[in-house]
Amino acid sequence: MKKALLLSLIVLFFGSVQSQSNNQLFSDIADSFRQNDDKRLSNKFAQTLDLTIGDTDGTYSKQHASVLIKKFFTKHHISSFTIKHQGSSNNKTHYAVCYLESGDKRWRVYILLDNHSKIIQLQIEE
C-alpha cells in the first residue's frame, strides 16, 4: 500500500513539473509574439513544422518557416496575444489555442508542441 501511494505521488509530482515547464514554454512563445520577436519564436521550432499563415500552408524546414514568420511580423505589428486554452494528448504532445490582434485584424493561433517541447505545428488564421 505504501509503495502504491509513493508511486502515485511521484507520478503526480513529475506530471506537475512537466505541466509547469509547458506553461512556461507557452508563456515564452506568447512573449515572442507580443514582442514581434521572430528569432526567439523560431528558436522553438522543430526541424520541420506544419505552418499556416493566412493563405500560406505547408510543411516547411525550420529555416524557411523562420523567414515566413519574420515576414508576418514585419507586415503585422502584434498589439495583443492571449492564450485561451492549453492541453495535452495521450501521445505527449501539448497544444495551445490563442488569439492575436494586429491593427484591426484578429487572428486565431493554434500551437502544437512535440514531446521535446518544439513547435511542430503553428496555425495563424484570421
Protein backbone atom coordinates (compact mmCIF):
# COMPACT_ATOMS: atom_id res chain seq x y z
CA MET A 1 0.00 0.00 0.00
CA LYS A 2 2.82 2.42 0.89
CA LYS A 3 4.61 1.62 -2.38
CA ALA A 4 1.47 2.33 -4.39
CA LEU A 5 0.96 5.64 -2.58
CA LEU A 6 4.59 6.63 -3.10
CA LEU A 7 4.42 5.71 -6.79
CA SER A 8 1.24 7.78 -7.18
CA LEU A 9 2.88 10.79 -5.55
CA ILE A 10 5.94 10.50 -7.80
CA VAL A 11 3.77 10.33 -10.93
CA LEU A 12 1.74 13.36 -9.79
CA PHE A 13 4.91 15.32 -8.99
CA PHE A 14 6.56 14.70 -12.36
CA GLY A 15 3.30 15.39 -14.19
CA SER A 16 3.06 18.69 -12.34
CA VAL A 17 6.68 19.59 -13.17
CA GLN A 18 6.09 18.83 -16.87
CA SER A 19 2.89 20.90 -16.84
CA GLN A 20 4.73 23.85 -15.28
CA SER A 21 7.51 23.68 -17.88
CA ASN A 22 4.94 23.61 -20.70
CA ASN A 23 3.12 26.57 -19.14
CA GLN A 24 6.43 28.44 -19.08
CA LEU A 25 7.16 27.45 -22.68
CA PHE A 26 3.77 28.69 -23.87
CA SER A 27 4.34 31.88 -21.87
CA ASP A 28 7.70 32.36 -23.64
CA ILE A 29 6.03 31.76 -27.01
CA ALA A 30 3.34 34.33 -26.15
CA ASP A 31 6.04 36.86 -25.19
CA SER A 32 7.77 36.23 -28.54
CA PHE A 33 4.55 37.15 -30.32
CA ARG A 34 3.89 40.19 -28.12
CA GLN A 35 7.41 41.50 -28.79
CA ASN A 36 7.32 40.67 -32.53
CA ASP A 37 10.47 38.61 -31.90
CA ASP A 38 10.70 36.23 -34.86
CA LYS A 39 14.15 34.94 -33.84
CA ARG A 40 13.05 33.98 -30.34
CA LEU A 41 9.94 32.25 -31.71
CA SER A 42 11.93 30.46 -34.44
CA ASN A 43 14.28 29.03 -31.82
CA LYS A 44 11.33 27.00 -30.55
CA PHE A 45 10.62 25.43 -33.97
CA ALA A 46 11.27 21.74 -34.68
CA GLN A 47 13.49 20.99 -37.68
CA THR A 48 10.32 20.73 -39.80
CA LEU A 49 6.87 22.01 -38.96
CA ASP A 50 3.43 22.46 -40.40
CA LEU A 51 2.86 26.17 -40.82
CA THR A 52 -0.27 28.03 -41.81
CA ILE A 53 -0.25 31.81 -42.08
CA GLY A 54 -3.31 33.02 -43.95
CA ASP A 55 -3.11 31.54 -47.46
CA THR A 56 0.38 30.11 -46.90
CA ASP A 57 0.04 26.50 -45.82
CA GLY A 58 2.54 23.65 -45.88
CA THR A 59 5.32 21.72 -44.22
CA TYR A 60 8.49 23.80 -44.03
CA SER A 61 12.01 23.50 -42.74
CA LYS A 62 12.86 25.47 -39.62
CA GLN A 63 14.81 27.98 -41.73
CA HIS A 64 12.01 28.52 -44.28
CA ALA A 65 9.37 28.81 -41.52
CA SER A 66 11.59 31.39 -39.78
CA VAL A 67 11.61 33.54 -42.93
CA LEU A 68 7.80 33.31 -43.19
CA ILE A 69 7.33 34.29 -39.53
CA LYS A 70 9.71 37.23 -39.93
CA LYS A 71 7.68 38.36 -42.95
CA PHE A 72 4.45 38.07 -40.93
CA PHE A 73 5.88 40.08 -38.01
CA THR A 74 7.18 42.75 -40.40
CA LYS A 75 3.76 43.10 -42.02
CA HIS A 76 1.63 42.81 -38.85
CA HIS A 77 2.70 44.53 -35.64
CA ILE A 78 1.20 42.49 -32.80
CA SER A 79 -0.78 44.57 -30.32
CA SER A 80 -2.16 41.69 -28.23
CA PHE A 81 -1.56 37.96 -27.76
CA THR A 82 -3.67 35.89 -25.37
CA ILE A 83 -3.56 32.18 -24.57
CA LYS A 84 -7.17 30.99 -24.23
CA HIS A 85 -6.72 27.27 -23.70
CA GLN A 86 -3.92 24.75 -23.17
CA GLY A 87 -3.96 20.98 -23.08
CA SER A 88 -2.16 17.77 -23.90
CA SER A 89 -2.85 14.47 -25.63
CA ASN A 90 -2.01 10.88 -24.84
CA ASN A 91 0.98 10.88 -27.18
CA LYS A 92 2.61 13.60 -25.05
CA THR A 93 2.01 16.48 -27.41
CA HIS A 94 0.89 19.79 -25.94
CA TYR A 95 -1.22 22.46 -27.56
CA ALA A 96 -2.47 25.97 -27.01
CA VAL A 97 -5.29 27.92 -28.63
CA CYS A 98 -4.55 31.63 -28.67
CA TYR A 99 -5.80 34.92 -30.06
CA LEU A 100 -3.62 37.57 -31.65
CA GLU A 101 -4.58 41.12 -32.53
CA SER A 102 -2.78 43.20 -35.10
CA GLY A 103 -4.17 46.56 -36.07
CA ASP A 104 -7.78 45.95 -36.99
CA LYS A 105 -7.30 42.20 -37.54
CA ARG A 106 -7.90 39.38 -35.09
CA TRP A 107 -6.18 36.05 -35.65
CA ARG A 108 -6.70 32.60 -34.12
CA VAL A 109 -3.40 30.88 -33.34
CA TYR A 110 -3.00 27.16 -32.75
CA ILE A 111 0.35 25.86 -31.45
CA LEU A 112 1.28 22.18 -31.17
CA LEU A 113 4.44 21.03 -29.36
CA ASP A 114 6.06 17.63 -29.73
CA ASN A 115 7.33 15.54 -26.83
CA HIS A 116 10.62 17.51 -26.99
CA SER A 117 8.76 20.83 -26.45
CA LYS A 118 9.42 22.02 -30.00
CA ILE A 119 6.75 23.62 -32.19
CA ILE A 120 5.66 21.10 -34.83
CA GLN A 121 2.52 22.92 -35.92
CA LEU A 122 1.70 26.63 -35.99
CA GLN A 123 -1.51 27.98 -37.48
CA ILE A 124 -2.21 31.70 -37.69
CA GLU A 125 -5.64 32.23 -39.25
CA GLU A 126 -7.98 35.22 -39.48
